[in-house]
Amino acid sequence: MPKLGANIRVLRDIKARQGVKDNEVVRRAYLFVARNQALPPQVRYQAQLQLNTFGRYTRPTTVKNRCVESGRGRGIISEFGLSRFQFRQKALAGELPGVQKASW
């Protein structure tokens, strides 16, 4: 059974992913305007102010790969969304299609 703290971390990551997805187009437009050297400084400054009004969970850097089972943030096998330990457990139990223990 996953720890309660892990569930909170996973929920926070899901919230961040949703926020990034919802605001991606608008953020990219403001970033383009703010970084465009050909535009007047006042316009670029206003775009930067608008960028600063966005919340924390609209930034793409807040999204972190986490294990969907345990919430662990390191050692994630991204194709399955599982940490190394959870991947091994599920592979040995035969719960992952197309994955089997190597033997040579």
PDB file of N, CA and C in Angstrom:
ATOM      1  N   MET A   1       0.844  -1.190   0.000  1.00  0.00           N
ATOM      2  CA  MET A   1       0.000   0.000   0.000  1.00  0.00           C
ATOM      3  C   MET A   1       0.882   1.243   0.000  1.00  0.00           C
ATOM      4  N   PRO A   2       0.636   2.206  -0.915  1.00  0.00           N
ATOM      5  CA  PRO A   2       1.448   3.413  -0.973  1.00  0.00           C
ATOM      6  C   PRO A   2       1.255   4.283   0.256  1.00  0.00           C
ATOM      7  N   LYS A   3       2.313   5.022   0.586  1.00  0.00           N
ATOM      8  CA  LYS A   3       2.249   5.921   1.727  1.00  0.00           C
ATOM      9  C   LYS A   3       1.364   7.116   1.407  1.00  0.00           C
ATOM     10  N   LEU A   4       0.821   7.746   2.462  1.00  0.00           N
ATOM     11  CA  LEU A   4      -0.058   8.902   2.283  1.00  0.00           C
ATOM     12  C   LEU A   4       0.704  10.056   1.644  1.00  0.00           C
ATOM     13  N   GLY A   5       1.949  10.298   2.081  1.00  0.00           N
ATOM     14  CA  GLY A   5       2.763  11.367   1.515  1.00  0.00           C
ATOM     15  C   GLY A   5       2.989  11.173   0.030  1.00  0.00           C
ATOM     16  N   ALA A   6       3.146   9.926  -0.374  1.00  0.00           N
ATOM     17  CA  ALA A   6       3.345   9.636  -1.787  1.00  0.00           C
ATOM     18  C   ALA A   6       2.096  10.001  -2.586  1.00  0.00           C
ATOM     19  N   ASN A   7       0.933   9.713  -2.023  1.00  0.00           N
ATOM     20  CA  ASN A   7      -0.298  10.053  -2.724  1.00  0.00           C
ATOM     21  C   ASN A   7      -0.431  11.555  -2.908  1.00  0.00           C
ATOM     22  N   ILE A   8      -0.040  12.322  -1.899  1.00  0.00           N
ATOM     23  CA  ILE A   8      -0.121  13.776  -2.001  1.00  0.00           C
ATOM     24  C   ILE A   8       0.820  14.272  -3.091  1.00  0.00           C
ATOM     25  N   ARG A   9       2.016  13.696  -3.152  1.00  0.00           N
ATOM     26  CA  ARG A   9       2.971  14.100  -4.187  1.00  0.00           C
ATOM     27  C   ARG A   9       2.449  13.779  -5.577  1.00  0.00           C
ATOM     28  N   VAL A  10       1.839  12.621  -5.726  1.00  0.00           N
ATOM     29  CA  VAL A  10       1.293  12.230  -7.027  1.00  0.00           C
ATOM     30  C   VAL A  10       0.152  13.162  -7.414  1.00  0.00           C
ATOM     31  N   LEU A  11      -0.706  13.488  -6.464  1.00  0.00           N
ATOM     32  CA  LEU A  11      -1.821  14.389  -6.756  1.00  0.00           C
ATOM     33  C   LEU A  11      -1.308  15.772  -7.138  1.00  0.00           C
ATOM     34  N   ARG A  12      -0.261  16.233  -6.466  1.00  0.00           N
ATOM     35  CA  ARG A  12       0.329  17.534  -6.784  1.00  0.00           C
ATOM     36  C   ARG A  12       0.911  17.512  -8.198  1.00  0.00           C
ATOM     37  N   ASP A  13       1.543  16.402  -8.568  1.00  0.00           N
ATOM     38  CA  ASP A  13       2.114  16.292  -9.905  1.00  0.00           C
ATOM     39  C   ASP A  13       1.014  16.269 -10.964  1.00  0.00           C
ATOM     40  N   ILE A  14      -0.075  15.582 -10.682  1.00  0.00           N
ATOM     41  CA  ILE A  14      -1.206  15.552 -11.614  1.00  0.00           C
ATOM     42  C   ILE A  14      -1.769  16.956 -11.793  1.00  0.00           C
ATOM     43  N   LYS A  15      -1.878  17.691 -10.677  1.00  0.00           N
ATOM     44  CA  LYS A  15      -2.377  19.064 -10.735  1.00  0.00           C
ATOM     45  C   LYS A  15      -1.445  19.939 -11.570  1.00  0.00           C
ATOM     46  N   ALA A  16      -0.137  19.758 -11.407  1.00  0.00           N
ATOM     47  CA  ALA A  16       0.831  20.535 -12.174  1.00  0.00           C
ATOM     48  C   ALA A  16       0.735  20.211 -13.660  1.00  0.00           C
ATOM     49  N   ARG A  17       0.605  18.924 -13.988  1.00  0.00           N
ATOM     50  CA  ARG A  17       0.480  18.538 -15.395  1.00  0.00           C
ATOM     51  C   ARG A  17      -0.767  19.157 -16.030  1.00  0.00           C
ATOM     52  N   GLN A  18      -1.866  19.165 -15.299  1.00  0.00           N
ATOM     53  CA  GLN A  18      -3.100  19.738 -15.825  1.00  0.00           C
ATOM     54  C   GLN A  18      -2.967  21.247 -16.004  1.00  0.00           C
ATOM     55  N   GLY A  19      -2.338  21.922 -15.043  1.00  0.00           N
ATOM     56  CA  GLY A  19      -2.140  23.364 -15.144  1.00  0.00           C
ATOM     57  C   GLY A  19      -1.262  23.746 -16.319  1.00  0.00           C
ATOM     58  N   VAL A  20      -0.206  22.989 -16.545  1.00  0.00           N
ATOM     59  CA  VAL A  20       0.678  23.251 -17.678  1.00  0.00           C
ATOM     60  C   VAL A  20      -0.077  23.047 -18.984  1.00  0.00           C
ATOM     61  N   LYS A  21      -0.861  21.992 -19.038  1.00  0.00           N
ATOM     62  CA  LYS A  21      -1.618  21.688 -20.258  1.00  0.00           C
ATOM     63  C   LYS A  21      -2.643  22.787 -20.563  1.00  0.00           C
ATOM     64  N   ASP A  22      -3.324  23.279 -19.525  1.00  0.00           N
ATOM     65  CA  ASP A  22      -4.359  24.287 -19.725  1.00  0.00           C
ATOM     66  C   ASP A  22      -3.800  25.635 -20.166  1.00  0.00           C
ATOM     67  N   ASN A  23      -2.603  25.998 -19.699  1.00  0.00           N
ATOM     68  CA  ASN A  23      -2.063  27.335 -19.940  1.00  0.00           C
ATOM     69  C   ASN A  23      -0.891  27.367 -20.910  1.00  0.00           C
ATOM     70  N   GLU A  24      -0.620  26.260 -21.584  1.00  0.00           N
ATOM     71  CA  GLU A  24       0.576  26.171 -22.414  1.00  0.00           C
ATOM     72  C   GLU A  24       0.579  27.196 -23.552  1.00  0.00           C
ATOM     73  N   VAL A  25      -0.509  27.319 -24.269  1.00  0.00           N
ATOM     74  CA  VAL A  25      -0.551  28.201 -25.441  1.00  0.00           C
ATOM     75  C   VAL A  25      -0.388  29.661 -25.025  1.00  0.00           C
ATOM     76  N   VAL A  26      -1.089  30.080 -23.990  1.00  0.00           N
ATOM     77  CA  VAL A  26      -1.020  31.472 -23.547  1.00  0.00           C
ATOM     78  C   VAL A  26       0.366  31.794 -23.013  1.00  0.00           C
ATOM     79  N   ARG A  27       0.937  30.886 -22.229  1.00  0.00           N
ATOM     80  CA  ARG A  27       2.284  31.107 -21.694  1.00  0.00           C
ATOM     81  C   ARG A  27       3.317  31.225 -22.813  1.00  0.00           C
ATOM     82  N   ARG A  28       3.203  30.362 -23.808  1.00  0.00           N
ATOM     83  CA  ARG A  28       4.158  30.414 -24.917  1.00  0.00           C
ATOM     84  C   ARG A  28       4.021  31.721 -25.702  1.00  0.00           C
ATOM     85  N   ALA A  29       2.801  32.211 -25.857  1.00  0.00           N
ATOM     86  CA  ALA A  29       2.595  33.480 -26.564  1.00  0.00           C
ATOM     87  C   ALA A  29       3.244  34.624 -25.788  1.00  0.00           C
ATOM     88  N   TYR A  30       3.018  34.679 -24.481  1.00  0.00           N
ATOM     89  CA  TYR A  30       3.636  35.731 -23.665  1.00  0.00           C
ATOM     90  C   TYR A  30       5.158  35.605 -23.667  1.00  0.00           C
ATOM     91  N   LEU A  31       5.682  34.377 -23.616  1.00  0.00           N
ATOM     92  CA  LEU A  31       7.126  34.179 -23.660  1.00  0.00           C
ATOM     93  C   LEU A  31       7.714  34.668 -24.984  1.00  0.00           C
ATOM     94  N   PHE A  32       7.003  34.386 -26.071  1.00  0.00           N
ATOM     95  CA  PHE A  32       7.480  34.834 -27.378  1.00  0.00           C
ATOM     96  C   PHE A  32       7.552  36.350 -27.429  1.00  0.00           C
ATOM     97  N   VAL A  33       6.518  37.012 -26.930  1.00  0.00           N
ATOM     98  CA  VAL A  33       6.499  38.476 -26.943  1.00  0.00           C
ATOM     99  C   VAL A  33       7.580  39.025 -26.021  1.00  0.00           C
ATOM    100  N   ALA A  34       7.741  38.444 -24.835  1.00  0.00           N
ATOM    101  CA  ALA A  34       8.709  38.949 -23.869  1.00  0.00           C
ATOM    102  C   ALA A  34      10.145  38.787 -24.349  1.00  0.00           C
ATOM    103  N   ARG A  35      10.419  37.776 -25.150  1.00  0.00           N
ATOM    104  CA  ARG A  35      11.781  37.513 -25.605  1.00  0.00           C
ATOM    105  C   ARG A  35      12.093  38.071 -26.989  1.00  0.00           C
ATOM    106  N   ASN A  36      11.091  38.635 -27.652  1.00  0.00           N
ATOM    107  CA  ASN A  36      11.272  39.156 -29.000  1.00  0.00           C
ATOM    108  C   ASN A  36      11.965  40.523 -28.933  1.00  0.00           C
ATOM    109  N   GLN A  37      13.216  40.580 -29.379  1.00  0.00           N
ATOM    110  CA  GLN A  37      14.005  41.807 -29.298  1.00  0.00           C
ATOM    111  C   GLN A  37      13.511  42.881 -30.272  1.00  0.00           C
ATOM    112  N   ALA A  38      12.743  42.497 -31.275  1.00  0.00           N
ATOM    113  CA  ALA A  38      12.286  43.464 -32.268  1.00  0.00           C
ATOM    114  C   ALA A  38      11.128  44.318 -31.750  1.00  0.00           C
ATOM    115  N   LEU A  39      10.473  43.889 -30.690  1.00  0.00           N
ATOM    116  CA  LEU A  39       9.336  44.632 -30.153  1.00  0.00           C
ATOM    117  C   LEU A  39       9.818  45.736 -29.215  1.00  0.00           C
ATOM    118  N   PRO A  40       8.981  46.759 -29.017  1.00  0.00           N
ATOM    119  CA  PRO A  40       9.362  47.835 -28.098  1.00  0.00           C
ATOM    120  C   PRO A  40       9.476  47.317 -26.658  1.00  0.00           C
ATOM    121  N   PRO A  41      10.342  47.920 -25.859  1.00  0.00           N
ATOM    122  CA  PRO A  41      10.552  47.451 -24.475  1.00  0.00           C
ATOM    123  C   PRO A  41       9.288  47.472 -23.615  1.00  0.00           C
ATOM    124  N   GLN A  42       8.409  48.454 -23.847  1.00  0.00           N
ATOM    125  CA  GLN A  42       7.190  48.551 -23.031  1.00  0.00           C
ATOM    126  C   GLN A  42       6.276  47.343 -23.262  1.00  0.00           C
ATOM    127  N   VAL A  43       6.155  46.914 -24.501  1.00  0.00           N
ATOM    128  CA  VAL A  43       5.325  45.751 -24.830  1.00  0.00           C
ATOM    129  C   VAL A  43       5.921  44.491 -24.205  1.00  0.00           C
ATOM    130  N   ARG A  44       7.245  44.359 -24.325  1.00  0.00           N
ATOM    131  CA  ARG A  44       7.919  43.194 -23.732  1.00  0.00           C
ATOM    132  C   ARG A  44       7.760  43.187 -22.218  1.00  0.00           C
ATOM    133  N   TYR A  45       7.838  44.354 -21.603  1.00  0.00           N
ATOM    134  CA  TYR A  45       7.688  44.466 -20.152  1.00  0.00           C
ATOM    135  C   TYR A  45       6.279  44.048 -19.716  1.00  0.00           C
ATOM    136  N   GLN A  46       5.268  44.480 -20.461  1.00  0.00           N
ATOM    137  CA  GLN A  46       3.885  44.098 -20.142  1.00  0.00           C
ATOM    138  C   GLN A  46       3.687  42.590 -20.274  1.00  0.00           C
ATOM    139  N   ALA A  47       4.306  41.988 -21.280  1.00  0.00           N
ATOM    140  CA  ALA A  47       4.206  40.539 -21.450  1.00  0.00           C
ATOM    141  C   ALA A  47       4.873  39.822 -20.278  1.00  0.00           C
ATOM    142  N   GLN A  48       6.010  40.360 -19.814  1.00  0.00           N
ATOM    143  CA  GLN A  48       6.680  39.756 -18.668  1.00  0.00           C
ATOM    144  C   GLN A  48       5.837  39.871 -17.410  1.00  0.00           C
ATOM    145  N   LEU A  49       5.159  40.996 -17.231  1.00  0.00           N
ATOM    146  CA  LEU A  49       4.264  41.160 -16.081  1.00  0.00           C
ATOM    147  C   LEU A  49       3.121  40.144 -16.128  1.00  0.00           C
ATOM    148  N   GLN A  50       2.604  39.909 -17.329  1.00  0.00           N
ATOM    149  CA  GLN A  50       1.540  38.912 -17.467  1.00  0.00           C
ATOM    150  C   GLN A  50       2.059  37.507 -17.139  1.00  0.00           C
ATOM    151  N   LEU A  51       3.279  37.220 -17.540  1.00  0.00           N
ATOM    152  CA  LEU A  51       3.872  35.922 -17.214  1.00  0.00           C
ATOM    153  C   LEU A  51       4.001  35.746 -15.710  1.00  0.00           C
ATOM    154  N   ASN A  52       4.331  36.829 -15.020  1.00  0.00           N
ATOM    155  CA  ASN A  52       4.511  36.757 -13.569  1.00  0.00           C
ATOM    156  C   ASN A  52       3.207  36.510 -12.828  1.00  0.00           C
ATOM    157  N   THR A  53       2.065  36.778 -13.461  1.00  0.00           N
ATOM    158  CA  THR A  53       0.786  36.572 -12.788  1.00  0.00           C
ATOM    159  C   THR A  53       0.334  35.114 -12.811  1.00  0.00           C
ATOM    160  N   PHE A  54       0.966  34.299 -13.661  1.00  0.00           N
ATOM    161  CA  PHE A  54       0.595  32.886 -13.716  1.00  0.00           C
ATOM    162  C   PHE A  54       0.996  32.187 -12.420  1.00  0.00           C
ATOM    163  N   GLY A  55       0.247  31.190 -12.055  1.00  0.00           N
ATOM    164  CA  GLY A  55       0.521  30.441 -10.831  1.00  0.00           C
ATOM    165  C   GLY A  55       1.701  29.504 -10.963  1.00  0.00           C
ATOM    166  N   ARG A  56       2.046  28.885  -9.844  1.00  0.00           N
ATOM    167  CA  ARG A  56       3.192  27.975  -9.793  1.00  0.00           C
ATOM    168  C   ARG A  56       2.997  26.773 -10.691  1.00  0.00           C
ATOM    169  N   TYR A  57       1.813  26.220 -10.691  1.00  0.00           N
ATOM    170  CA  TYR A  57       1.591  24.970 -11.400  1.00  0.00           C
ATOM    171  C   TYR A  57       1.291  25.147 -12.882  1.00  0.00           C
ATOM    172  N   THR A  58       1.602  26.322 -13.424  1.00  0.00           N
ATOM    173  CA  THR A  58       1.483  26.514 -14.866  1.00  0.00           C
ATOM    174  C   THR A  58       2.852  26.452 -15.525  1.00  0.00           C
ATOM    175  N   ARG A  59       3.917  26.360 -14.729  1.00  0.00           N
ATOM    176  CA  ARG A  59       5.273  26.284 -15.263  1.00  0.00           C
ATOM    177  C   ARG A  59       5.610  24.843 -15.621  1.00  0.00           C
ATOM    178  N   PRO A  60       6.165  24.616 -16.795  1.00  0.00           N
ATOM    179  CA  PRO A  60       6.506  23.243 -17.183  1.00  0.00           C
ATOM    180  C   PRO A  60       7.561  22.603 -16.289  1.00  0.00           C
ATOM    181  N   THR A  61       8.380  23.405 -15.619  1.00  0.00           N
ATOM    182  CA  THR A  61       9.437  22.836 -14.787  1.00  0.00           C
ATOM    183  C   THR A  61       8.908  22.219 -13.499  1.00  0.00           C
ATOM    184  N   THR A  62       7.649  22.484 -13.142  1.00  0.00           N
ATOM    185  CA  THR A  62       7.096  21.887 -11.925  1.00  0.00           C
ATOM    186  C   THR A  62       6.650  20.442 -12.140  1.00  0.00           C
ATOM    187  N   VAL A  63       6.548  20.026 -13.398  1.00  0.00           N
ATOM    188  CA  VAL A  63       6.125  18.655 -13.696  1.00  0.00           C
ATOM    189  C   VAL A  63       7.313  17.721 -13.499  1.00  0.00           C
ATOM    190  N   LYS A  64       7.095  16.662 -12.736  1.00  0.00           N
ATOM    191  CA  LYS A  64       8.156  15.701 -12.459  1.00  0.00           C
ATOM    192  C   LYS A  64       7.602  14.303 -12.661  1.00  0.00           C
ATOM    193  N   ASN A  65       8.401  13.444 -13.302  1.00  0.00           N
ATOM    194  CA  ASN A  65       7.975  12.064 -13.466  1.00  0.00           C
ATOM    195  C   ASN A  65       7.964  11.382 -12.103  1.00  0.00           C
ATOM    196  N   ARG A  66       6.866  10.742 -11.782  1.00  0.00           N
ATOM    197  CA  ARG A  66       6.730  10.026 -10.520  1.00  0.00           C
ATOM    198  C   ARG A  66       6.129   8.656 -10.784  1.00  0.00           C
ATOM    199  N   CYS A  67       6.472   7.723  -9.903  1.00  0.00           N
ATOM    200  CA  CYS A  67       5.906   6.383  -9.982  1.00  0.00           C
ATOM    201  C   CYS A  67       4.415   6.474  -9.665  1.00  0.00           C
ATOM    202  N   VAL A  68       3.593   5.850 -10.490  1.00  0.00           N
ATOM    203  CA  VAL A  68       2.150   5.915 -10.264  1.00  0.00           C
ATOM    204  C   VAL A  68       1.723   5.022  -9.108  1.00  0.00           C
ATOM    205  N   GLU A  69       2.556   4.066  -8.717  1.00  0.00           N
ATOM    206  CA  GLU A  69       2.233   3.166  -7.613  1.00  0.00           C
ATOM    207  C   GLU A  69       2.653   3.746  -6.269  1.00  0.00           C
ATOM    208  N   SER A  70       3.926   4.173  -6.182  1.00  0.00           N
ATOM    209  CA  SER A  70       4.466   4.566  -4.888  1.00  0.00           C
ATOM    210  C   SER A  70       4.694   6.056  -4.743  1.00  0.00           C
ATOM    211  N   GLY A  71       4.716   6.806  -5.849  1.00  0.00           N
ATOM    212  CA  GLY A  71       4.960   8.234  -5.781  1.00  0.00           C
ATOM    213  C   GLY A  71       6.426   8.588  -5.760  1.00  0.00           C
ATOM    214  N   ARG A  72       7.305   7.607  -5.892  1.00  0.00           N
ATOM    215  CA  ARG A  72       8.744   7.855  -5.860  1.00  0.00           C
ATOM    216  C   ARG A  72       9.145   8.727  -7.051  1.00  0.00           C
ATOM    217  N   GLY A  73      10.068   9.668  -6.820  1.00  0.00           N
ATOM    218  CA  GLY A  73      10.452  10.618  -7.841  1.00  0.00           C
ATOM    219  C   GLY A  73      11.754  10.294  -8.544  1.00  0.00           C
ATOM    220  N   ARG A  74      12.408   9.209  -8.146  1.00  0.00           N
ATOM    221  CA  ARG A  74      13.684   8.859  -8.775  1.00  0.00           C
ATOM    222  C   ARG A  74      13.617   7.442  -9.326  1.00  0.00           C
ATOM    223  N   GLY A  75      14.424   7.194 -10.321  1.00  0.00           N
ATOM    224  CA  GLY A  75      14.508   5.850 -10.888  1.00  0.00           C
ATOM    225  C   GLY A  75      13.234   5.425 -11.592  1.00  0.00           C
ATOM    226  N   ILE A  76      12.633   6.334 -12.348  1.00  0.00           N
ATOM    227  CA  ILE A  76      11.365   6.045 -13.008  1.00  0.00           C
ATOM    228  C   ILE A  76      11.635   5.509 -14.414  1.00  0.00           C
ATOM    229  N   ILE A  77      11.012   4.405 -14.738  1.00  0.00           N
ATOM    230  CA  ILE A  77      11.055   3.877 -16.097  1.00  0.00           C
ATOM    231  C   ILE A  77       9.849   4.495 -16.806  1.00  0.00           C
ATOM    232  N   SER A  78      10.119   5.499 -17.629  1.00  0.00           N
ATOM    233  CA  SER A  78       9.053   6.362 -18.136  1.00  0.00           C
ATOM    234  C   SER A  78       8.052   5.627 -19.029  1.00  0.00           C
ATOM    235  N   GLU A  79       8.487   4.590 -19.713  1.00  0.00           N
ATOM    236  CA  GLU A  79       7.573   3.860 -20.594  1.00  0.00           C
ATOM    237  C   GLU A  79       6.426   3.218 -19.806  1.00  0.00           C
ATOM    238  N   PHE A  80       6.703   2.863 -18.565  1.00  0.00           N
ATOM    239  CA  PHE A  80       5.694   2.213 -17.728  1.00  0.00           C
ATOM    240  C   PHE A  80       5.207   3.119 -16.609  1.00  0.00           C
ATOM    241  N   GLY A  81       5.912   4.203 -16.330  1.00  0.00           N
ATOM    242  CA  GLY A  81       5.520   5.100 -15.247  1.00  0.00           C
ATOM    243  C   GLY A  81       5.734   4.503 -13.877  1.00  0.00           C
ATOM    244  N   LEU A  82       6.689   3.572 -13.760  1.00  0.00           N
ATOM    245  CA  LEU A  82       6.939   2.884 -12.497  1.00  0.00           C
ATOM    246  C   LEU A  82       8.383   3.083 -12.066  1.00  0.00           C
ATOM    247  N   SER A  83       8.604   3.044 -10.746  1.00  0.00           N
ATOM    248  CA  SER A  83       9.968   3.082 -10.243  1.00  0.00           C
ATOM    249  C   SER A  83      10.615   1.721 -10.497  1.00  0.00           C
ATOM    250  N   ARG A  84      11.934   1.676 -10.324  1.00  0.00           N
ATOM    251  CA  ARG A  84      12.662   0.434 -10.599  1.00  0.00           C
ATOM    252  C   ARG A  84      12.100  -0.723  -9.778  1.00  0.00           C
ATOM    253  N   PHE A  85      11.873  -0.480  -8.487  1.00  0.00           N
ATOM    254  CA  PHE A  85      11.400  -1.557  -7.608  1.00  0.00           C
ATOM    255  C   PHE A  85      10.010  -2.041  -8.018  1.00  0.00           C
ATOM    256  N   GLN A  86       9.091  -1.103  -8.264  1.00  0.00           N
ATOM    257  CA  GLN A  86       7.734  -1.478  -8.665  1.00  0.00           C
ATOM    258  C   GLN A  86       7.742  -2.185 -10.017  1.00  0.00           C
ATOM    259  N   PHE A  87       8.610  -1.732 -10.915  1.00  0.00           N
ATOM    260  CA  PHE A  87       8.723  -2.379 -12.221  1.00  0.00           C
ATOM    261  C   PHE A  87       9.167  -3.822 -12.048  1.00  0.00           C
ATOM    262  N   ARG A  88      10.172  -4.023 -11.196  1.00  0.00           N
ATOM    263  CA  ARG A  88      10.681  -5.377 -10.968  1.00  0.00           C
ATOM    264  C   ARG A  88       9.616  -6.278 -10.360  1.00  0.00           C
ATOM    265  N   GLN A  89       8.896  -5.762  -9.360  1.00  0.00           N
ATOM    266  CA  GLN A  89       7.850  -6.548  -8.705  1.00  0.00           C
ATOM    267  C   GLN A  89       6.768  -6.971  -9.701  1.00  0.00           C
ATOM    268  N   LYS A  90       6.313  -6.020 -10.509  1.00  0.00           N
ATOM    269  CA  LYS A  90       5.250  -6.320 -11.466  1.00  0.00           C
ATOM    270  C   LYS A  90       5.742  -7.239 -12.589  1.00  0.00           C
ATOM    271  N   ALA A  91       7.005  -7.059 -13.002  1.00  0.00           N
ATOM    272  CA  ALA A  91       7.545  -7.916 -14.053  1.00  0.00           C
ATOM    273  C   ALA A  91       7.666  -9.353 -13.560  1.00  0.00           C
ATOM    274  N   LEU A  92       8.131  -9.535 -12.336  1.00  0.00           N
ATOM    275  CA  LEU A  92       8.276 -10.882 -11.788  1.00  0.00           C
ATOM    276  C   LEU A  92       6.919 -11.548 -11.575  1.00  0.00           C
ATOM    277  N   ALA A  93       5.908 -10.740 -11.264  1.00  0.00           N
ATOM    278  CA  ALA A  93       4.561 -11.280 -11.075  1.00  0.00           C
ATOM    279  C   ALA A  93       3.846 -11.505 -12.405  1.00  0.00           C
ATOM    280  N   GLY A  94       4.458 -11.055 -13.518  1.00  0.00           N
ATOM    281  CA  GLY A  94       3.843 -11.234 -14.832  1.00  0.00           C
ATOM    282  C   GLY A  94       2.725 -10.263 -15.115  1.00  0.00           C
ATOM    283  N   GLU A  95       2.727  -9.105 -14.446  1.00  0.00           N
ATOM    284  CA  GLU A  95       1.653  -8.130 -14.615  1.00  0.00           C
ATOM    285  C   GLU A  95       1.936  -7.107 -15.714  1.00  0.00           C
ATOM    286  N   LEU A  96       3.141  -7.151 -16.299  1.00  0.00           N
ATOM    287  CA  LEU A  96       3.480  -6.224 -17.374  1.00  0.00           C
ATOM    288  C   LEU A  96       3.556  -6.999 -18.686  1.00  0.00           C
ATOM    289  N   PRO A  97       2.682  -6.686 -19.642  1.00  0.00           N
ATOM    290  CA  PRO A  97       2.696  -7.427 -20.901  1.00  0.00           C
ATOM    291  C   PRO A  97       3.967  -7.161 -21.685  1.00  0.00           C
ATOM    292  N   GLY A  98       4.549  -8.211 -22.206  1.00  0.00           N
ATOM    293  CA  GLY A  98       5.739  -8.095 -23.035  1.00  0.00           C
ATOM    294  C   GLY A  98       7.036  -7.986 -22.255  1.00  0.00           C
ATOM    295  N   VAL A  99       6.979  -8.107 -20.924  1.00  0.00           N
ATOM    296  CA  VAL A  99       8.192  -7.996 -20.107  1.00  0.00           C
ATOM    297  C   VAL A  99       8.412  -9.337 -19.428  1.00  0.00           C
ATOM    298  N   GLN A 100       9.617  -9.848 -19.548  1.00  0.00           N
ATOM    299  CA  GLN A 100       9.939 -11.080 -18.852  1.00  0.00           C
ATOM    300  C   GLN A 100      11.372 -10.993 -18.335  1.00  0.00           C
ATOM    301  N   LYS A 101      11.657 -11.755 -17.312  1.00  0.00           N
ATOM    302  CA  LYS A 101      12.990 -11.770 -16.728  1.00  0.00           C
ATOM    303  C   LYS A 101      13.990 -12.368 -17.712  1.00  0.00           C
ATOM    304  N   ALA A 102      15.107 -11.672 -17.853  1.00  0.00           N
ATOM    305  CA  ALA A 102      16.117 -12.144 -18.800  1.00  0.00           C
ATOM    306  C   ALA A 102      16.843 -13.338 -18.242  1.00  0.00           C
ATOM    307  N   SER A 103      17.180 -14.261 -19.119  1.00  0.00           N
ATOM    308  CA  SER A 103      18.012 -15.401 -18.732  1.00  0.00           C
ATOM    309  C   SER A 103      18.891 -15.741 -19.924  1.00  0.00           C
ATOM    310  N   TRP A 104      20.171 -15.908 -19.669  1.00  0.00           N
ATOM    311  CA  TRP A 104      21.104 -16.249 -20.743  1.00  0.00           C
ATOM    312  C   TRP A 104      22.196 -17.122 -20.248  1.00  0.00           C
TER     313      TRP A 104
END
